[in-house]
Amino acid sequence: MGIKHSEGAAGAGEPSEKTFGTELRRRRGLAGLSLTRLAALIHYSRGHISRVENGEKRPSEEFARVCDQALRAEGELLALAAGPGPGECPYPGLMSFRAEDARWFFGRDRPLSELLNLLGDSATAGHPLMVVGASGAGKSSLLRAGLAPAVPRGVLPARRPGTPAVLYLTPTSHPVAELRRHDAARPLDSYALVIVDQFEEVFTLCADATERSAFIDQVCHLAGRGLPVAIGMRADFYGHALVHARLLTALRARSMPLGPMTADELRSAITEPAAAAGLTLEPGLAEILLRDLGTGTDTAGDDPGCGVGALPLLAHALRATWQQRSDGVLTVAGYGRTGGIRGAVAATAERVYGQRTEDEGLGAFAHDGTTVLITTAGRRVQPWQTDVTGFADQICHLAGTPMTSQETALYPMHPYQPPCTGTR
C-alpha cells in the first residue's frame, strides 16, 4: 500500500511525513481520546492501536474505516491507509458514498429528482424533508453524493449571494451540542441546505429525552424559518418519530420513502462507475452480479431489484473485485476469487480475524456462509445461516448491538450505528 510509518513517540515533535499512524495519533489527541477510549469506540485493543500509531503494524482497510468514522476524518485516514496506487476505486465498499465521491454515484436519478422536487415545492416549505428507508437502502449515499453536490449547481432557490454551501451532520449522543458546535463555526442560516443523516441516533444514542425533544424542535424550527433541511432516517424508527408532533407533521407533508434499486438502476450502479474511472467490466460480470443479488421480474411484471440491505454487500464485492482487477479489467475470475456477493464480506472478516493477535481474539467473523460470534473464551456462539439480505441485517446487528464484556462484536463496526431491532 506504500504506507510509510516512521514517526517517533508522541510528543517527539512533528514528523517529517504525514502517515496513517501520525495522523491517527494527531486526530485522537485533538478529540481528547485516550487509547483506552478509542479502543472502546472502535472495538480494537489498545495494543493494536498503539502498534499502528507507532508504525509497527500496517492498518487494514477495516481498521482505517472505523478509525475514520470514530474520529470524523471524512475519508482522510482511509486515504492514508490506502496509500498511493494505480487509479482510484470507484466503489465505496461498506461505506456510503460521500460528496467527493459524486463522480462515482450512479443509478439514483429518479429518487434524486423526487428529492429536488420536494425541496422546491413551496406548498410544503417550512417542514424538514424526511427520507425514510431500510438500513442499507442507500439513504446516506443519496443525501451525500446525490443531493449535496447538486446544491452548488443552483438546483435550489438562492438564499444568499455566493456559492451555496451544504452542512452535513449526524446527531451523535449529544445532538443539541452538536448543532451548536456547527452553528458556532458558521451560522446555520448561511447554508443553502442542512442534511441531518442517521437521524435515528436521537432515539438510540441520546439518553436525555429533554435534549432529544429540544434537538427535534430546533431542526424543525430551522426548516420553519425557510432553511431547507433534509433528514435521513431508518424506516424501523418511523414509530419513534411519530411520537413527536412536528416530525409527524413533516412525515405527512414532506417525506420520501426510499426503496430498493431496480435491476436497471443496479446495472447503472455497477457499470457506470467503472466507465467513469476508465475501467472495463468483462462481458458477463454485470449479469452474474445481478443474478447473485437475486434480481429479476416477479409474476406481476414488476422489477423487484435487489433485496433490502444488499447495496453495501454489492459495493463491497465490487471493491474486492477491483482489487483483483487485471490491466484495468474487472473480471469474472476476479469476482469469483472474492467469494462473490455472499462471500466477499465473509472473506474479509475471516482475513481480519486471522490477522489479529491472541490478545485481540474477540469478535465476529464469517465462515462458510455463517456469521459467528467469538467470545473471550474462544468459543463460537450462535451461527446464523443467512441469505444476502439476512447477512446485511446480521452485519448491522453485530455492528450495533451492545455486547457484554465477554462477547464483543468486532466486524464490521460503526461506532455510531444503532442496534437493529428484533432478535435472532
Protein backbone atom coordinates (compact mmCIF):
# COMPACT_ATOMS: atom_id res chain seq x y z
CA MET A 1 0.00 0.00 0.00
CA GLY A 2 3.02 2.27 0.06
CA ILE A 3 2.45 3.47 3.62
CA LYS A 4 5.43 4.88 5.43
CA HIS A 5 5.40 4.78 9.24
CA SER A 6 8.46 6.50 10.57
CA GLU A 7 7.27 8.73 13.37
CA GLY A 8 8.62 8.52 16.89
CA ALA A 9 6.78 8.54 20.17
CA ALA A 10 4.04 11.03 20.96
CA GLY A 11 5.40 14.44 21.76
CA ALA A 12 8.67 13.88 19.91
CA GLY A 13 7.93 16.71 17.51
CA GLU A 14 6.31 16.98 14.12
CA PRO A 15 7.02 14.03 11.84
CA SER A 16 8.72 14.73 8.56
CA GLU A 17 5.93 12.99 6.65
CA LYS A 18 2.24 12.53 7.33
CA THR A 19 1.44 8.85 7.67
CA PHE A 20 -1.59 6.92 8.84
CA GLY A 21 -0.03 6.40 12.26
CA THR A 22 0.91 10.04 12.83
CA GLU A 23 -2.45 11.30 11.62
CA LEU A 24 -4.31 8.78 13.76
CA ARG A 25 -2.38 9.91 16.84
CA ARG A 26 -2.91 13.60 15.98
CA ARG A 27 -6.65 13.23 15.47
CA ARG A 28 -7.00 11.11 18.59
CA GLY A 29 -5.27 13.85 20.57
CA LEU A 30 -7.45 16.59 19.10
CA ALA A 31 -10.54 14.57 20.02
CA GLY A 32 -9.24 14.16 23.58
CA LEU A 33 -9.39 10.37 23.34
CA SER A 34 -7.05 8.11 25.23
CA LEU A 35 -6.01 4.79 23.69
CA THR A 36 -8.45 3.10 26.06
CA ARG A 37 -11.35 5.30 24.99
CA LEU A 38 -10.68 4.91 21.28
CA ALA A 39 -10.32 1.16 21.75
CA ALA A 40 -13.77 1.08 23.36
CA LEU A 41 -15.26 3.08 20.47
CA ILE A 42 -13.87 1.01 17.62
CA HIS A 43 -13.57 -2.35 19.40
CA TYR A 44 -9.90 -2.91 18.70
CA SER A 45 -7.41 -3.40 21.52
CA ARG A 46 -5.19 -0.64 22.91
CA GLY A 47 -2.18 -2.66 21.82
CA HIS A 48 -3.42 -2.89 18.24
CA ILE A 49 -3.99 0.88 18.03
CA SER A 50 -0.63 1.65 19.65
CA ARG A 51 1.24 -0.60 17.22
CA VAL A 52 -0.44 1.06 14.26
CA GLU A 53 0.35 4.54 15.61
CA ASN A 54 4.00 3.59 16.12
CA GLY A 55 4.33 2.06 12.66
CA GLU A 56 4.74 -1.48 13.97
CA LYS A 57 1.55 -2.72 12.29
CA ARG A 58 0.01 -1.84 8.96
CA PRO A 59 -3.61 -0.63 9.14
CA SER A 60 -6.17 -2.80 7.40
CA GLU A 61 -8.91 -1.14 5.38
CA GLU A 62 -11.45 -2.18 8.02
CA PHE A 63 -9.38 -0.69 10.86
CA ALA A 64 -8.89 2.53 8.87
CA ARG A 65 -12.62 2.73 8.17
CA VAL A 66 -13.72 2.53 11.81
CA CYS A 67 -11.00 4.97 12.91
CA ASP A 68 -12.04 7.37 10.15
CA GLN A 69 -15.66 7.22 11.30
CA ALA A 70 -14.92 7.48 15.02
CA LEU A 71 -12.60 10.47 14.56
CA ARG A 72 -14.71 12.14 11.84
CA ALA A 73 -11.77 12.24 9.45
CA GLU A 74 -14.01 12.47 6.38
CA GLY A 75 -12.03 9.84 4.49
CA GLU A 76 -8.52 11.20 5.20
CA LEU A 77 -7.47 8.23 7.30
CA LEU A 78 -8.86 5.83 4.72
CA ALA A 79 -6.87 7.57 2.01
CA LEU A 80 -3.67 7.36 4.07
CA ALA A 81 -4.28 3.67 4.72
CA ALA A 82 -4.80 3.01 1.03
CA GLY A 83 -1.65 4.88 0.12
CA PRO A 84 -0.72 5.78 -3.44
CA GLY A 85 -1.90 3.34 -6.07
CA PRO A 86 -2.63 2.97 -9.79
CA GLY A 87 -6.02 4.65 -10.04
CA GLU A 88 -8.91 5.14 -7.68
CA CYS A 89 -11.53 2.60 -6.77
CA PRO A 90 -14.98 3.89 -7.78
CA TYR A 91 -16.81 1.63 -5.33
CA PRO A 92 -17.07 2.60 -1.62
CA GLY A 93 -17.27 -0.88 -0.14
CA LEU A 94 -19.21 -0.99 3.13
CA MET A 95 -19.04 2.79 3.49
CA SER A 96 -21.59 5.14 1.97
CA PHE A 97 -20.74 7.45 -0.91
CA ARG A 98 -19.58 10.91 0.17
CA ALA A 99 -19.93 14.26 -1.59
CA GLU A 100 -16.43 13.89 -3.04
CA ASP A 101 -17.48 10.53 -4.49
CA ALA A 102 -20.28 12.09 -6.57
CA ARG A 103 -18.47 11.26 -9.81
CA TRP A 104 -18.87 7.55 -8.99
CA PHE A 105 -22.52 7.79 -7.85
CA PHE A 106 -24.96 6.33 -10.38
CA GLY A 107 -28.33 4.65 -10.51
CA ARG A 108 -30.31 7.04 -8.32
CA ASP A 109 -31.53 9.66 -10.81
CA ARG A 110 -35.20 9.01 -10.10
CA PRO A 111 -35.17 9.41 -6.29
CA LEU A 112 -32.77 12.37 -6.59
CA SER A 113 -35.23 14.08 -8.92
CA GLU A 114 -38.02 13.39 -6.44
CA LEU A 115 -35.92 14.85 -3.62
CA LEU A 116 -35.22 18.05 -5.55
CA ASN A 117 -38.89 18.41 -6.49
CA LEU A 118 -39.94 18.06 -2.87
CA LEU A 119 -37.37 20.60 -1.69
CA GLY A 120 -38.53 23.04 -4.34
CA ASP A 121 -42.23 22.62 -3.56
CA SER A 122 -43.39 25.86 -1.93
CA ALA A 123 -46.62 24.19 -0.78
CA THR A 124 -44.69 22.03 1.73
CA ALA A 125 -41.96 24.53 2.60
CA GLY A 126 -41.47 25.06 6.31
CA HIS A 127 -41.10 21.36 7.11
CA PRO A 128 -37.96 19.23 7.03
CA LEU A 129 -37.83 16.70 4.21
CA MET A 130 -37.81 13.18 5.65
CA VAL A 131 -36.03 10.46 3.63
CA VAL A 132 -37.03 7.13 5.14
CA GLY A 133 -35.65 3.75 4.15
CA ALA A 134 -34.37 0.45 5.44
CA SER A 135 -30.83 0.00 6.68
CA GLY A 136 -28.59 -0.45 3.65
CA ALA A 137 -31.09 1.12 1.22
CA GLY A 138 -28.66 3.91 0.30
CA LYS A 139 -30.09 6.91 2.18
CA SER A 140 -26.73 8.34 3.20
CA SER A 141 -25.28 7.93 -0.29
CA LEU A 142 -28.29 9.62 -1.86
CA LEU A 143 -28.07 12.57 0.51
CA ARG A 144 -24.28 12.96 0.49
CA ALA A 145 -23.29 12.03 -3.07
CA GLY A 146 -26.56 12.85 -4.82
CA LEU A 147 -28.29 15.76 -3.13
CA ALA A 148 -25.39 17.68 -1.57
CA PRO A 149 -23.31 18.05 -4.77
CA ALA A 150 -26.41 19.19 -6.69
CA VAL A 151 -26.93 22.23 -4.46
CA PRO A 152 -23.86 24.23 -5.59
CA ARG A 153 -25.13 23.79 -9.16
CA GLY A 154 -28.09 26.01 -8.29
CA VAL A 155 -30.84 23.40 -8.12
CA LEU A 156 -32.38 25.14 -5.08
CA PRO A 157 -33.52 28.79 -4.90
CA ALA A 158 -30.63 31.02 -3.80
CA ARG A 159 -30.94 32.22 -0.20
CA ARG A 160 -27.77 34.35 -0.08
CA PRO A 161 -25.22 35.69 -2.57
CA GLY A 162 -22.25 33.49 -3.32
CA THR A 163 -21.73 29.78 -3.80
CA PRO A 164 -24.36 27.75 -1.95
CA ALA A 165 -22.95 25.61 0.88
CA VAL A 166 -24.28 22.41 2.40
CA LEU A 167 -23.92 21.31 6.03
CA TYR A 168 -23.86 17.57 6.72
CA LEU A 169 -24.16 16.30 10.28
CA THR A 170 -25.33 13.38 12.38
CA PRO A 171 -26.97 13.85 15.80
CA THR A 172 -24.43 11.87 17.91
CA SER A 173 -25.19 11.24 21.60
CA HIS A 174 -25.47 14.98 22.31
CA PRO A 175 -27.39 16.39 19.35
CA VAL A 176 -28.05 19.88 20.74
CA ALA A 177 -24.34 20.39 21.47
CA GLU A 178 -23.51 19.08 18.00
CA LEU A 179 -25.88 21.58 16.40
CA ARG A 180 -24.43 24.42 18.49
CA ARG A 181 -20.90 23.39 17.52
CA HIS A 182 -21.73 23.73 13.84
CA ASP A 183 -23.60 26.99 14.40
CA ALA A 184 -20.58 28.44 16.21
CA ALA A 185 -18.29 27.50 13.32
CA ARG A 186 -20.66 29.01 10.76
CA PRO A 187 -24.23 30.31 11.26
CA LEU A 188 -26.68 27.66 10.21
CA ASP A 189 -28.80 30.22 8.36
CA SER A 190 -25.90 30.82 5.97
CA TYR A 191 -26.24 27.36 4.44
CA ALA A 192 -28.31 26.56 1.38
CA LEU A 193 -29.15 23.13 2.81
CA VAL A 194 -28.68 21.27 6.09
CA ILE A 195 -28.57 17.46 5.95
CA VAL A 196 -29.17 15.58 9.20
CA ASP A 197 -28.28 11.99 8.45
CA GLN A 198 -28.66 8.90 10.66
CA PHE A 199 -31.46 10.70 12.45
CA GLU A 200 -32.25 7.54 14.39
CA GLU A 201 -29.31 8.41 16.62
CA VAL A 202 -31.57 10.84 18.51
CA PHE A 203 -33.51 7.77 19.67
CA THR A 204 -30.63 5.34 20.19
CA LEU A 205 -27.65 7.42 21.32
CA CYS A 206 -29.25 10.40 23.05
CA ALA A 207 -30.23 9.24 26.53
CA ASP A 208 -31.80 12.56 27.58
CA ALA A 209 -35.42 12.83 26.43
CA THR A 210 -35.42 16.59 27.02
CA GLU A 211 -32.35 17.09 24.83
CA ARG A 212 -33.87 14.81 22.19
CA SER A 213 -37.05 16.86 22.03
CA ALA A 214 -35.06 20.11 22.02
CA PHE A 215 -32.97 18.94 19.07
CA ILE A 216 -36.03 17.88 17.11
CA ASP A 217 -37.68 21.24 17.80
CA GLN A 218 -34.55 23.14 16.74
CA VAL A 219 -34.23 21.22 13.47
CA CYS A 220 -37.91 21.75 12.67
CA HIS A 221 -37.58 25.42 13.67
CA LEU A 222 -34.75 25.85 11.15
CA ALA A 223 -36.97 24.45 8.44
CA GLY A 224 -39.83 26.66 9.57
CA ARG A 225 -37.61 29.73 9.07
CA GLY A 226 -37.11 28.80 5.44
CA LEU A 227 -33.83 26.87 5.63
CA PRO A 228 -34.07 23.67 3.55
CA VAL A 229 -33.47 20.70 5.85
CA ALA A 230 -33.22 17.07 4.69
CA ILE A 231 -33.33 14.25 7.23
CA GLY A 232 -32.26 10.66 6.63
CA MET A 233 -33.84 8.10 8.96
CA ARG A 234 -34.06 4.33 9.12
CA ALA A 235 -37.56 3.02 8.49
CA ASP A 236 -37.63 0.92 11.65
CA PHE A 237 -37.64 4.18 13.66
CA TYR A 238 -40.73 5.51 11.93
CA GLY A 239 -42.81 4.81 15.01
CA HIS A 240 -40.37 6.70 17.23
CA ALA A 241 -40.69 9.75 15.00
CA LEU A 242 -44.49 9.66 15.04
CA VAL A 243 -44.46 10.38 18.79
CA HIS A 244 -43.12 13.89 18.10
CA ALA A 245 -45.83 16.17 16.70
CA ARG A 246 -43.53 18.22 14.44
CA LEU A 247 -41.95 15.11 12.94
CA LEU A 248 -45.40 13.61 12.45
CA THR A 249 -46.42 16.71 10.51
CA ALA A 250 -43.24 16.56 8.42
CA LEU A 251 -43.79 12.89 7.63
CA ARG A 252 -47.31 13.65 6.46
CA ALA A 253 -46.36 16.69 4.40
CA ARG A 254 -42.83 16.16 3.11
CA SER A 255 -41.44 12.64 3.18
CA MET A 256 -39.96 10.30 0.62
CA PRO A 257 -39.71 6.54 1.13
CA LEU A 258 -36.55 5.11 -0.43
CA GLY A 259 -37.00 1.58 -1.68
CA PRO A 260 -34.61 -0.93 -3.24
CA MET A 261 -32.93 -0.14 -6.54
CA THR A 262 -34.42 -1.66 -9.68
CA ALA A 263 -32.43 -4.03 -11.88
CA ASP A 264 -31.75 -1.22 -14.37
CA GLU A 265 -30.59 1.10 -11.58
CA LEU A 266 -28.32 -1.62 -10.22
CA ARG A 267 -26.81 -2.22 -13.65
CA SER A 268 -26.06 1.50 -13.86
CA ALA A 269 -24.51 1.46 -10.36
CA ILE A 270 -22.29 -1.46 -11.42
CA THR A 271 -21.15 -0.41 -14.89
CA GLU A 272 -21.08 3.40 -14.93
CA PRO A 273 -18.65 3.98 -12.02
CA ALA A 274 -16.20 1.63 -13.77
CA ALA A 275 -16.56 3.53 -17.03
CA ALA A 276 -16.08 6.86 -15.23
CA ALA A 277 -12.86 5.51 -13.68
CA GLY A 278 -11.55 4.28 -17.03
CA LEU A 279 -12.12 0.63 -16.12
CA THR A 280 -13.75 -2.15 -18.11
CA LEU A 281 -16.06 -4.91 -16.94
CA GLU A 282 -15.52 -8.29 -18.55
CA PRO A 283 -18.64 -9.30 -20.52
CA GLY A 284 -21.00 -11.25 -18.31
CA LEU A 285 -19.78 -9.86 -14.97
CA ALA A 286 -22.68 -7.43 -14.56
CA GLU A 287 -25.17 -10.23 -15.29
CA ILE A 288 -23.52 -12.50 -12.72
CA LEU A 289 -23.64 -9.73 -10.09
CA LEU A 290 -27.32 -9.10 -10.79
CA ARG A 291 -28.04 -12.81 -10.61
CA ASP A 292 -26.24 -13.17 -7.32
CA LEU A 293 -28.18 -10.21 -5.93
CA GLY A 294 -31.39 -12.07 -6.75
CA THR A 295 -32.76 -9.50 -9.20
CA GLY A 296 -35.50 -10.45 -11.62
CA THR A 297 -39.09 -9.88 -12.61
CA ASP A 298 -41.89 -11.17 -10.41
CA THR A 299 -45.15 -12.67 -11.62
CA ALA A 300 -46.89 -9.30 -11.64
CA GLY A 301 -44.31 -7.94 -14.07
CA ASP A 302 -42.71 -5.64 -11.53
CA ASP A 303 -38.96 -5.16 -11.25
CA PRO A 304 -38.09 -6.02 -7.63
CA GLY A 305 -34.42 -5.15 -7.97
CA CYS A 306 -32.27 -6.27 -5.05
CA GLY A 307 -33.27 -7.16 -1.53
CA VAL A 308 -33.28 -4.61 1.25
CA GLY A 309 -29.82 -4.08 2.69
CA ALA A 310 -27.96 -5.64 -0.24
CA LEU A 311 -26.30 -2.45 -1.55
CA PRO A 312 -23.39 -2.49 0.92
CA LEU A 313 -22.73 -6.12 0.01
CA LEU A 314 -22.71 -5.27 -3.71
CA ALA A 315 -20.37 -2.31 -3.19
CA HIS A 316 -18.03 -4.41 -1.05
CA ALA A 317 -17.96 -7.22 -3.62
CA LEU A 318 -17.23 -4.70 -6.38
CA ARG A 319 -14.44 -3.11 -4.35
CA ALA A 320 -12.93 -6.53 -3.68
CA THR A 321 -13.24 -7.37 -7.40
CA TRP A 322 -11.49 -4.08 -8.25
CA GLN A 323 -8.61 -5.17 -6.02
CA GLN A 324 -8.41 -8.34 -8.17
CA ARG A 325 -8.51 -6.40 -11.48
CA SER A 326 -6.18 -7.25 -14.34
CA ASP A 327 -4.92 -4.44 -16.60
CA GLY A 328 -7.88 -2.22 -15.77
CA VAL A 329 -10.44 -5.00 -16.30
CA LEU A 330 -12.78 -6.28 -13.58
CA THR A 331 -13.04 -9.96 -14.41
CA VAL A 332 -15.42 -12.80 -13.69
CA ALA A 333 -12.50 -14.81 -12.33
CA GLY A 334 -11.51 -11.95 -10.02
CA TYR A 335 -15.08 -11.71 -8.75
CA GLY A 336 -15.05 -15.46 -8.13
CA ARG A 337 -11.89 -15.16 -6.06
CA THR A 338 -13.58 -12.63 -3.75
CA GLY A 339 -16.26 -15.11 -2.78
CA GLY A 340 -19.00 -13.21 -4.60
CA ILE A 341 -21.85 -11.19 -3.13
CA ARG A 342 -22.35 -13.66 -0.31
CA GLY A 343 -18.72 -14.39 0.33
CA ALA A 344 -16.76 -11.14 -0.10
CA VAL A 345 -17.60 -9.74 3.32
CA ALA A 346 -17.15 -13.19 4.83
CA ALA A 347 -13.69 -13.48 3.28
CA THR A 348 -12.72 -10.02 4.51
CA ALA A 349 -13.96 -10.77 8.02
CA GLU A 350 -12.08 -14.08 8.05
CA ARG A 351 -8.92 -12.30 6.89
CA VAL A 352 -9.31 -9.62 9.57
CA TYR A 353 -9.80 -12.26 12.22
CA GLY A 354 -6.78 -14.19 11.01
CA GLN A 355 -4.59 -11.07 11.23
CA ARG A 356 -5.45 -10.44 14.85
CA THR A 357 -3.16 -11.49 17.68
CA GLU A 358 -4.33 -13.68 20.54
CA ASP A 359 -4.98 -10.72 22.84
CA GLU A 360 -7.27 -9.34 20.14
CA GLY A 361 -9.12 -12.59 19.56
CA LEU A 362 -12.59 -11.28 20.30
CA GLY A 363 -15.04 -10.62 17.57
CA ALA A 364 -17.42 -11.65 14.89
CA PHE A 365 -16.36 -13.20 11.63
CA ALA A 366 -17.99 -15.11 8.84
CA HIS A 367 -17.16 -18.62 7.74
CA ASP A 368 -18.82 -20.92 5.21
CA GLY A 369 -21.85 -18.66 4.86
CA THR A 370 -22.46 -18.29 8.58
CA THR A 371 -21.74 -15.38 10.85
CA VAL A 372 -20.11 -16.47 14.08
CA LEU A 373 -19.52 -14.60 17.31
CA ILE A 374 -16.25 -15.31 19.09
CA THR A 375 -16.12 -14.83 22.86
CA THR A 376 -13.17 -14.23 25.15
CA ALA A 377 -13.03 -17.96 25.75
CA GLY A 378 -12.57 -18.56 22.01
CA ARG A 379 -15.97 -20.20 21.85
CA ARG A 380 -18.09 -19.98 18.69
CA VAL A 381 -21.55 -18.82 19.60
CA GLN A 382 -24.83 -18.69 17.70
CA PRO A 383 -24.11 -19.26 13.99
CA TRP A 384 -26.78 -17.67 11.79
CA GLN A 385 -27.31 -19.05 8.30
CA THR A 386 -28.05 -16.10 6.09
CA ASP A 387 -29.06 -15.06 2.61
CA VAL A 388 -27.90 -11.76 1.12
CA THR A 389 -30.45 -9.64 2.97
CA GLY A 390 -30.07 -11.61 6.18
CA PHE A 391 -26.31 -11.23 6.07
CA ALA A 392 -26.67 -7.44 5.74
CA ASP A 393 -29.03 -7.47 8.70
CA GLN A 394 -26.53 -9.53 10.67
CA ILE A 395 -23.76 -7.04 9.87
CA CYS A 396 -25.99 -4.34 11.34
CA HIS A 397 -26.74 -6.50 14.37
CA LEU A 398 -23.10 -7.27 15.08
CA ALA A 399 -22.01 -3.69 14.45
CA GLY A 400 -24.59 -2.00 16.59
CA THR A 401 -25.86 -4.30 19.29
CA PRO A 402 -24.21 -3.73 22.67
CA MET A 403 -22.41 -6.89 23.79
CA THR A 404 -21.30 -7.93 27.23
CA SER A 405 -17.63 -7.77 28.13
CA GLN A 406 -17.47 -11.46 27.27
CA GLU A 407 -19.00 -11.12 23.81
CA THR A 408 -17.74 -8.18 21.77
CA ALA A 409 -18.64 -7.73 18.10
CA LEU A 410 -15.66 -6.58 16.07
CA TYR A 411 -16.56 -6.65 12.43
CA PRO A 412 -17.93 -4.74 10.67
CA MET A 413 -18.00 -1.90 13.19
CA HIS A 414 -19.55 1.56 13.04
CA PRO A 415 -19.15 3.41 16.34
CA TYR A 416 -22.35 5.40 15.86
CA GLN A 417 -24.62 2.79 14.23
CA PRO A 418 -27.64 1.97 16.41
CA PRO A 419 -28.75 -1.57 17.03
CA CYS A 420 -31.17 -3.28 14.68
CA THR A 421 -34.46 -4.29 16.20
CA GLY A 422 -35.61 -7.84 16.57
CA THR A 423 -33.97 -10.98 17.87
CA ARG A 424 -32.02 -13.75 16.28
